[in-house]
N, C-alpha and C. Protein backbone atom coordinates (compact mmCIF):
# COMPACT_ATOMS: atom_id res chain seq x y z
N MET A 1 -15.87 -5.47 -19.13
CA MET A 1 -15.23 -4.46 -18.06
C MET A 1 -15.39 -5.31 -16.64
N THR A 2 -14.55 -5.09 -16.26
CA THR A 2 -14.01 -6.01 -14.53
C THR A 2 -14.43 -5.32 -13.57
N GLU A 3 -14.89 -6.72 -13.14
CA GLU A 3 -15.62 -6.50 -11.61
C GLU A 3 -14.67 -5.08 -10.31
N SER A 4 -15.61 -4.43 -9.66
CA SER A 4 -15.52 -3.51 -9.05
C SER A 4 -14.66 -4.51 -7.62
N ILE A 5 -13.93 -3.53 -7.04
CA ILE A 5 -12.94 -4.00 -6.19
C ILE A 5 -14.35 -4.18 -4.91
N GLU A 6 -14.84 -3.46 -4.81
CA GLU A 6 -16.33 -3.57 -3.58
C GLU A 6 -16.62 -4.75 -4.08
N ASN A 7 -17.49 -5.20 -4.95
CA ASN A 7 -17.76 -6.48 -5.44
C ASN A 7 -17.17 -7.85 -5.27
N ARG A 8 -15.95 -7.33 -5.48
CA ARG A 8 -14.84 -8.50 -5.47
C ARG A 8 -14.65 -9.03 -3.92
N LEU A 9 -14.90 -8.05 -2.97
CA LEU A 9 -14.12 -7.83 -1.46
C LEU A 9 -15.91 -8.59 -1.11
N ASN A 10 -16.91 -8.15 -1.64
CA ASN A 10 -18.11 -9.12 -0.92
C ASN A 10 -18.26 -10.27 -1.69
N VAL A 11 -17.71 -10.55 -2.75
CA VAL A 11 -17.49 -12.27 -3.24
C VAL A 11 -16.86 -13.01 -2.17
N ALA A 12 -15.62 -12.44 -1.74
CA ALA A 12 -14.34 -12.95 -0.99
C ALA A 12 -15.19 -13.04 0.30
N MET A 13 -15.77 -12.13 0.83
CA MET A 13 -16.85 -12.38 2.03
C MET A 13 -17.42 -13.57 2.34
N LYS A 14 -18.34 -13.47 1.52
CA LYS A 14 -19.59 -14.90 1.20
C LYS A 14 -18.35 -16.39 1.45
N THR A 15 -17.21 -15.89 0.42
CA THR A 15 -16.47 -17.36 0.29
C THR A 15 -16.03 -17.54 1.40
N ALA A 16 -15.45 -16.36 2.27
CA ALA A 16 -14.84 -16.82 3.39
C ALA A 16 -15.61 -17.20 4.59
N LEU A 17 -16.81 -16.67 4.69
CA LEU A 17 -17.96 -17.05 5.65
C LEU A 17 -18.09 -18.60 5.28
N LYS A 18 -18.40 -18.89 3.97
CA LYS A 18 -18.66 -20.67 4.08
C LYS A 18 -17.60 -21.27 3.94
N ALA A 19 -16.52 -21.16 3.80
CA ALA A 19 -15.18 -21.47 3.99
C ALA A 19 -14.63 -21.56 5.65
N LYS A 20 -15.49 -20.93 6.63
CA LYS A 20 -15.25 -20.58 7.91
C LYS A 20 -13.81 -20.23 7.96
N ASP A 21 -13.33 -19.25 7.19
CA ASP A 21 -11.81 -18.67 6.92
C ASP A 21 -12.11 -17.34 7.79
N LYS A 22 -11.67 -17.57 9.17
CA LYS A 22 -11.32 -16.43 9.67
C LYS A 22 -10.42 -15.39 9.51
N ASN A 23 -9.39 -15.27 9.05
CA ASN A 23 -8.77 -14.86 8.95
C ASN A 23 -8.94 -14.01 7.61
N SER A 24 -9.23 -14.31 6.50
CA SER A 24 -9.84 -13.80 5.72
C SER A 24 -10.82 -12.90 5.86
N LEU A 25 -11.98 -13.47 6.50
CA LEU A 25 -13.08 -12.69 7.47
C LEU A 25 -12.42 -11.59 7.72
N MET A 26 -11.89 -11.52 8.66
CA MET A 26 -11.36 -10.29 9.62
C MET A 26 -10.74 -9.19 8.85
N THR A 27 -9.99 -9.94 7.76
CA THR A 27 -8.86 -8.74 6.86
C THR A 27 -10.54 -8.03 5.95
N ILE A 28 -11.19 -8.45 5.60
CA ILE A 28 -11.98 -8.35 4.87
C ILE A 28 -12.77 -6.92 5.81
N ARG A 29 -12.96 -7.60 6.96
CA ARG A 29 -14.15 -6.56 7.58
C ARG A 29 -12.93 -5.37 7.93
N MET A 30 -11.91 -5.27 8.18
CA MET A 30 -10.80 -4.47 8.99
C MET A 30 -10.76 -3.33 7.76
N VAL A 31 -11.24 -3.53 6.60
CA VAL A 31 -11.18 -3.23 5.22
C VAL A 31 -11.97 -2.39 4.94
N LYS A 32 -13.32 -2.92 5.03
CA LYS A 32 -14.66 -2.34 5.16
C LYS A 32 -14.83 -1.20 6.24
N ALA A 33 -14.29 -1.53 7.17
CA ALA A 33 -14.35 -0.44 8.54
C ALA A 33 -13.86 0.38 8.55
N ALA A 34 -12.56 0.53 7.44
CA ALA A 34 -11.87 1.46 7.29
C ALA A 34 -12.54 2.42 6.17
N MET A 35 -13.12 1.63 5.43
CA MET A 35 -13.81 2.50 4.13
C MET A 35 -14.82 2.95 4.57
N GLN A 36 -15.43 2.47 5.68
CA GLN A 36 -16.93 3.27 6.43
C GLN A 36 -16.55 4.50 7.15
N GLU A 37 -15.40 4.25 7.88
CA GLU A 37 -14.75 5.45 8.67
C GLU A 37 -14.50 6.50 7.59
N LEU A 38 -14.00 6.34 6.62
CA LEU A 38 -13.55 7.41 5.87
C LEU A 38 -14.86 7.98 5.07
N MET A 39 -15.94 7.08 4.73
CA MET A 39 -16.99 7.74 4.07
C MET A 39 -17.92 8.47 5.27
N ASN A 40 -17.52 8.20 6.38
CA ASN A 40 -18.27 8.73 7.21
C ASN A 40 -17.63 9.86 7.78
N ARG A 41 -16.62 10.50 7.26
CA ARG A 41 -15.92 11.68 7.68
C ARG A 41 -16.91 13.01 6.96
N PRO A 42 -16.48 14.05 7.71
CA PRO A 42 -17.14 15.27 7.02
C PRO A 42 -16.27 15.05 5.43
N LYS A 43 -16.77 16.19 4.39
CA LYS A 43 -16.49 16.29 2.96
C LYS A 43 -16.24 14.77 2.23
N ALA A 44 -16.63 14.12 3.00
CA ALA A 44 -15.99 12.51 2.46
C ALA A 44 -17.03 12.07 0.93
N PRO A 45 -16.29 11.42 0.07
CA PRO A 45 -16.66 11.40 -1.08
C PRO A 45 -18.49 10.75 -1.08
N GLU A 46 -19.22 11.30 -1.87
CA GLU A 46 -20.94 10.73 -2.10
C GLU A 46 -20.71 9.16 -2.16
N ALA A 47 -20.04 8.64 -3.11
CA ALA A 47 -19.77 6.86 -3.46
C ALA A 47 -18.60 6.36 -3.10
N THR A 48 -18.63 4.96 -3.01
CA THR A 48 -16.77 4.39 -3.33
C THR A 48 -16.58 4.30 -4.47
N THR A 49 -15.29 4.30 -5.08
CA THR A 49 -14.51 3.93 -6.32
C THR A 49 -13.37 2.54 -6.29
N ASP A 50 -13.19 2.17 -6.85
CA ASP A 50 -11.94 1.40 -6.97
C ASP A 50 -10.77 2.24 -6.54
N ALA A 51 -10.65 3.38 -7.27
CA ALA A 51 -9.39 4.22 -6.27
C ALA A 51 -9.63 4.79 -5.09
N LEU A 52 -10.68 5.14 -4.20
CA LEU A 52 -11.08 5.43 -3.30
C LEU A 52 -10.38 3.76 -2.44
N TRP A 53 -11.27 2.22 -3.12
CA TRP A 53 -10.87 1.24 -2.13
C TRP A 53 -9.35 1.34 -2.53
N GLN A 54 -8.79 1.04 -3.38
CA GLN A 54 -7.22 0.98 -3.35
C GLN A 54 -6.23 2.11 -2.54
N GLU A 55 -7.18 2.90 -2.43
CA GLU A 55 -6.43 3.65 -1.26
C GLU A 55 -6.46 3.42 0.07
N VAL A 56 -7.54 2.83 0.40
CA VAL A 56 -7.69 2.65 1.67
C VAL A 56 -7.03 1.47 1.82
N ILE A 57 -7.24 0.59 1.04
CA ILE A 57 -6.20 -1.21 1.30
C ILE A 57 -4.89 -0.82 1.32
N GLY A 58 -4.42 0.54 0.21
CA GLY A 58 -2.91 0.58 0.88
C GLY A 58 -2.85 1.05 1.61
N SER A 59 -3.40 2.32 2.40
CA SER A 59 -3.14 2.74 3.58
C SER A 59 -3.14 1.62 4.97
N TYR A 60 -3.89 0.19 4.45
CA TYR A 60 -4.21 -0.93 5.58
C TYR A 60 -2.87 -1.54 5.36
N MET A 61 -2.71 -1.71 3.95
CA MET A 61 -0.98 -2.54 3.81
C MET A 61 0.19 -1.71 4.62
N LYS A 62 -0.43 -0.20 4.74
CA LYS A 62 0.94 0.27 5.20
C LYS A 62 1.10 0.25 7.16
N LYS A 63 0.05 -0.14 7.36
CA LYS A 63 -0.62 -0.51 8.83
C LYS A 63 0.25 -1.51 8.85
N LEU A 64 -0.27 -2.66 8.17
CA LEU A 64 -0.05 -3.93 8.36
C LEU A 64 2.08 -3.98 8.90
N ASP A 65 2.50 -3.38 7.90
CA ASP A 65 3.90 -3.23 7.33
C ASP A 65 4.58 -2.67 8.63
N LYS A 66 4.12 -1.68 9.42
CA LYS A 66 4.22 -0.69 10.57
C LYS A 66 4.05 -1.68 11.78
N SER A 67 3.11 -2.81 11.58
CA SER A 67 2.87 -3.40 12.92
C SER A 67 3.79 -4.84 12.88
N ALA A 68 4.41 -5.26 11.39
CA ALA A 68 5.23 -6.33 11.23
C ALA A 68 6.33 -5.88 11.83
N GLU A 69 7.27 -4.64 11.37
CA GLU A 69 7.93 -4.02 12.23
C GLU A 69 8.08 -4.43 13.43
N GLU A 70 7.24 -4.06 14.37
CA GLU A 70 6.89 -3.87 15.97
C GLU A 70 6.91 -5.39 16.30
N TYR A 71 6.58 -6.66 15.73
CA TYR A 71 6.78 -8.00 16.09
C TYR A 71 7.89 -8.47 15.59
N LYS A 72 8.95 -8.00 14.10
CA LYS A 72 9.79 -8.69 14.41
C LYS A 72 10.89 -7.95 15.53
N LYS A 73 10.78 -7.02 16.21
CA LYS A 73 11.25 -6.50 17.04
C LYS A 73 11.31 -7.56 18.50
N VAL A 74 9.97 -7.85 18.36
CA VAL A 74 9.50 -8.72 19.75
C VAL A 74 10.34 -10.29 19.62
N GLY A 75 10.80 -10.54 18.38
CA GLY A 75 11.35 -11.89 18.04
C GLY A 75 10.87 -13.23 17.80
N GLU A 76 10.85 -14.15 18.96
CA GLU A 76 9.97 -15.16 17.90
C GLU A 76 8.35 -15.16 19.01
N ARG A 77 8.99 -14.64 20.02
CA ARG A 77 6.93 -14.69 20.24
C ARG A 77 6.29 -13.27 19.46
N GLY A 78 6.18 -13.18 18.70
CA GLY A 78 5.56 -12.03 17.39
C GLY A 78 5.46 -13.15 16.33
N GLN A 79 6.41 -14.44 16.08
CA GLN A 79 6.09 -15.07 14.70
C GLN A 79 4.87 -15.32 14.36
N GLU A 80 4.07 -15.89 15.39
CA GLU A 80 2.64 -15.86 14.90
C GLU A 80 1.80 -15.05 14.10
N LYS A 81 2.08 -13.46 14.77
CA LYS A 81 1.31 -12.41 14.44
C LYS A 81 1.52 -11.97 12.90
N LEU A 82 3.29 -12.32 12.40
CA LEU A 82 3.86 -11.79 11.63
C LEU A 82 3.39 -12.93 10.44
N THR A 83 3.23 -14.12 10.55
CA THR A 83 2.76 -15.05 9.91
C THR A 83 1.11 -14.65 9.35
N GLU A 84 0.52 -14.05 10.48
CA GLU A 84 -1.20 -13.55 10.37
C GLU A 84 -1.18 -12.45 9.15
N ILE A 85 -0.01 -11.45 9.41
CA ILE A 85 0.24 -10.04 8.86
C ILE A 85 0.53 -10.55 7.30
N ALA A 86 1.73 -11.57 6.82
CA ALA A 86 1.96 -11.97 5.77
C ALA A 86 0.56 -12.74 4.81
N GLY A 87 -0.24 -12.99 5.61
CA GLY A 87 -1.73 -13.60 5.35
C GLY A 87 -2.30 -13.27 4.87
N GLU A 88 -2.76 -11.92 5.52
CA GLU A 88 -3.72 -10.24 5.20
C GLU A 88 -2.99 -9.96 3.93
N LYS A 89 -1.41 -9.75 4.07
CA LYS A 89 -1.11 -8.92 2.85
C LYS A 89 -0.97 -9.28 1.53
N VAL A 90 -1.32 -10.99 1.64
CA VAL A 90 -1.24 -11.86 0.20
C VAL A 90 -3.07 -11.75 -0.03
N PHE A 91 -3.36 -11.85 0.94
CA PHE A 91 -5.19 -11.67 0.38
C PHE A 91 -4.97 -10.47 0.17
N LEU A 92 -4.54 -9.12 0.00
CA LEU A 92 -5.01 -7.57 0.02
C LEU A 92 -4.50 -7.54 -1.48
N LYS A 93 -3.16 -7.72 -1.58
CA LYS A 93 -2.24 -7.63 -2.81
C LYS A 93 -3.24 -7.69 -4.47
N PRO A 94 -3.90 -8.70 -4.63
CA PRO A 94 -4.73 -9.12 -5.34
C PRO A 94 -5.47 -7.48 -5.87
N PHE A 95 -5.85 -6.64 -4.92
CA PHE A 95 -6.99 -5.73 -4.99
C PHE A 95 -6.18 -4.33 -5.29
N LEU A 96 -4.69 -4.51 -5.22
CA LEU A 96 -4.33 -3.25 -5.73
C LEU A 96 -3.52 -3.60 -6.80
N PRO A 97 -3.27 -1.63 -7.49
CA PRO A 97 -2.53 -2.06 -8.73
C PRO A 97 -1.24 -2.62 -8.51
N VAL A 98 -0.76 -3.95 -9.90
CA VAL A 98 0.95 -3.76 -9.77
C VAL A 98 1.77 -2.88 -9.50
N GLN A 99 2.49 -3.03 -8.28
CA GLN A 99 3.63 -1.79 -8.28
C GLN A 99 4.70 -2.04 -9.24
N ILE A 100 5.53 -1.21 -9.10
CA ILE A 100 6.44 -0.83 -10.19
C ILE A 100 7.86 -1.15 -8.91
N GLU A 101 8.78 -1.83 -9.89
CA GLU A 101 9.64 -2.22 -9.09
C GLU A 101 10.68 -2.22 -9.78
N GLY A 102 12.18 -2.81 -8.42
CA GLY A 102 13.30 -3.20 -9.67
C GLY A 102 13.92 -2.13 -10.71
N ASP A 103 14.41 -2.56 -11.89
CA ASP A 103 14.63 -1.30 -12.92
C ASP A 103 14.38 -0.32 -13.40
N ALA A 104 12.76 -0.99 -13.39
CA ALA A 104 11.59 -0.02 -14.07
C ALA A 104 11.53 1.07 -12.92
N LEU A 105 11.62 0.96 -11.42
CA LEU A 105 11.00 2.07 -10.44
C LEU A 105 12.77 2.81 -10.73
N LYS A 106 14.05 2.26 -10.64
CA LYS A 106 15.11 2.74 -10.41
C LYS A 106 15.18 3.72 -11.47
N ALA A 107 15.02 3.39 -12.47
CA ALA A 107 14.79 4.48 -14.20
C ALA A 107 13.70 5.74 -13.82
N ILE A 108 12.70 5.58 -13.25
CA ILE A 108 11.93 6.49 -12.88
C ILE A 108 12.15 7.22 -12.03
N VAL A 109 12.95 6.67 -10.79
CA VAL A 109 13.95 7.62 -9.68
C VAL A 109 14.76 8.70 -10.40
N MET A 110 15.98 8.02 -11.52
CA MET A 110 16.54 8.36 -12.19
C MET A 110 16.21 9.89 -12.85
N GLN A 111 14.88 9.48 -13.50
CA GLN A 111 14.73 10.38 -14.45
C GLN A 111 14.04 11.68 -13.40
N ALA A 112 13.08 11.19 -12.52
CA ALA A 112 12.90 12.44 -11.87
C ALA A 112 14.04 13.08 -11.08
N ILE A 113 15.20 12.97 -10.65
CA ILE A 113 16.37 13.74 -10.02
C ILE A 113 16.87 14.32 -11.30
N GLU A 114 17.24 13.98 -12.86
CA GLU A 114 17.24 14.63 -13.52
C GLU A 114 16.49 15.71 -13.94
N ALA A 115 15.20 15.35 -13.97
CA ALA A 115 14.14 16.62 -14.43
C ALA A 115 13.82 17.68 -13.29
N THR A 116 14.23 17.34 -12.15
CA THR A 116 14.24 18.24 -11.21
C THR A 116 15.61 18.81 -10.80
N GLY A 117 16.67 18.57 -11.69
CA GLY A 117 18.05 18.94 -11.16
C GLY A 117 18.26 18.58 -10.10
N ALA A 118 17.89 17.74 -8.97
CA ALA A 118 18.03 17.35 -7.59
C ALA A 118 19.85 16.97 -7.75
N ASN A 119 20.40 17.25 -6.79
CA ASN A 119 22.18 16.95 -6.46
C ASN A 119 22.40 16.46 -5.26
N SER A 120 21.28 16.84 -3.92
CA SER A 120 21.95 16.55 -2.71
C SER A 120 20.86 15.74 -2.09
N PRO A 121 21.02 15.06 -0.71
CA PRO A 121 20.13 14.68 -0.31
C PRO A 121 18.63 16.05 -0.04
N LYS A 122 18.94 16.91 0.60
CA LYS A 122 18.28 18.15 1.13
C LYS A 122 16.89 18.19 -0.04
N ASP A 123 17.43 17.94 -1.72
CA ASP A 123 16.45 17.78 -2.70
C ASP A 123 15.31 16.44 -2.50
N THR A 124 15.40 15.47 -1.67
CA THR A 124 14.72 14.38 -1.24
C THR A 124 13.31 14.47 -1.61
N GLY A 125 12.35 15.64 -1.26
CA GLY A 125 11.01 16.36 -0.99
C GLY A 125 10.36 16.42 -2.32
N ARG A 126 11.34 17.10 -3.35
CA ARG A 126 11.05 18.02 -4.43
C ARG A 126 11.21 16.38 -5.54
N VAL A 127 11.90 15.73 -5.04
CA VAL A 127 12.08 14.68 -6.27
C VAL A 127 10.78 13.36 -5.91
N MET A 128 10.85 13.34 -4.45
CA MET A 128 9.73 12.26 -4.09
C MET A 128 8.23 12.91 -4.44
N GLY A 129 8.12 14.22 -4.76
CA GLY A 129 6.63 14.49 -4.83
C GLY A 129 6.43 14.67 -6.78
N SER A 130 7.73 14.85 -7.15
CA SER A 130 7.55 14.50 -8.45
C SER A 130 7.35 13.02 -8.93
N ILE A 131 7.56 12.29 -8.40
CA ILE A 131 7.16 10.80 -8.59
C ILE A 131 6.13 10.39 -8.21
N MET A 132 6.22 10.75 -6.98
CA MET A 132 4.40 10.59 -6.15
C MET A 132 3.18 10.66 -7.29
N LYS A 133 3.46 12.03 -7.52
CA LYS A 133 2.27 12.78 -8.66
C LYS A 133 2.16 11.96 -9.55
N GLY A 134 3.12 11.08 -10.13
CA GLY A 134 3.14 10.64 -11.74
C GLY A 134 2.84 9.48 -11.27
N HIS A 135 2.89 8.77 -9.88
CA HIS A 135 2.84 7.41 -10.24
C HIS A 135 1.89 6.84 -8.95
N LYS A 136 1.20 7.74 -8.45
CA LYS A 136 0.37 7.32 -7.24
C LYS A 136 0.27 6.10 -7.06
N GLY A 137 0.02 5.21 -5.91
CA GLY A 137 -0.41 4.11 -5.63
C GLY A 137 0.20 2.66 -6.88
N GLU A 138 1.09 3.61 -7.44
CA GLU A 138 2.39 2.40 -8.31
C GLU A 138 3.03 1.89 -7.92
N VAL A 139 3.55 3.01 -7.07
CA VAL A 139 4.82 2.98 -6.47
C VAL A 139 4.52 2.82 -5.08
N ASP A 140 5.56 1.88 -4.55
CA ASP A 140 5.90 1.94 -2.67
C ASP A 140 6.29 3.38 -2.58
N SER A 141 6.18 4.08 -1.85
CA SER A 141 7.25 5.24 -0.97
C SER A 141 8.05 5.11 -0.79
N LYS A 142 8.40 3.83 0.26
CA LYS A 142 9.31 3.50 1.06
C LYS A 142 10.47 3.50 -0.14
N ASN A 143 10.14 2.26 -0.74
CA ASN A 143 11.25 2.20 -2.00
C ASN A 143 11.67 3.57 -2.60
N VAL A 144 10.70 4.25 -3.14
CA VAL A 144 11.45 5.16 -3.51
C VAL A 144 12.22 6.57 -2.99
N LYS A 145 12.06 6.19 -2.08
CA LYS A 145 12.83 7.18 -0.80
C LYS A 145 13.94 7.09 -0.91
N ASP A 146 14.18 4.98 -0.52
CA ASP A 146 15.64 4.69 -0.30
C ASP A 146 16.28 4.99 -1.85
N LEU A 147 15.36 4.86 -2.86
CA LEU A 147 16.94 4.70 -4.21
C LEU A 147 16.74 6.28 -4.28
N ILE A 148 16.07 7.31 -3.79
CA ILE A 148 16.47 8.37 -4.13
C ILE A 148 17.51 8.96 -3.25
N ALA A 149 17.55 8.41 -1.97
CA ALA A 149 18.53 8.47 -1.01
C ALA A 149 19.54 8.18 -1.48
N ALA A 150 19.89 6.79 -1.82
CA ALA A 150 21.01 6.28 -2.29
C ALA A 150 21.49 6.94 -3.52
N ALA A 151 20.58 7.52 -4.71
CA ALA A 151 21.49 8.03 -5.47
C ALA A 151 22.00 9.47 -5.30
N LEU A 152 20.98 10.17 -4.39
CA LEU A 152 21.55 11.85 -4.18
C LEU A 152 22.83 11.55 -3.23
N THR A 153 23.30 10.55 -2.43
CA THR A 153 24.55 10.48 -1.40
C THR A 153 25.82 10.38 -2.67
N GLN A 154 25.56 9.55 -3.69
CA GLN A 154 26.56 9.22 -4.37
C GLN A 154 26.79 10.33 -5.74
N ALA A 155 26.11 11.48 -5.76
CA ALA A 155 25.72 12.12 -6.38
C ALA A 155 27.11 13.02 -5.96
């Protein structure tokens, strides 16, 4: 049986503390804080699961992507932060499921378009819902949306 994400994060935290790796330590603490925030909400799950950890880490990665976009707009002054964000993403990626990309993702999109009978950009939401329902956590929603838009504008 593979080790849980929570245990892997705890081991990584101990390693980062010993190595005085401030960036990894900060990343782990941010993810743990996000999980704690989720667990403190009303109607929160009673215990953490790998799926819940992946959801929290995925959400944190999306926040990092948004931050990166903002730092790119700043130009040269944002380079240091962009490097930091890239490091956080590299650190967190192994905790997430492998993402479906490239031709495999295109095939999923085309199959969903055919299955839903979509034929115009107005049908994007229906196709998106179909894909996300069956492949949550396995695909990047932005990539899926872009592929759907490209396919439906050509239709």
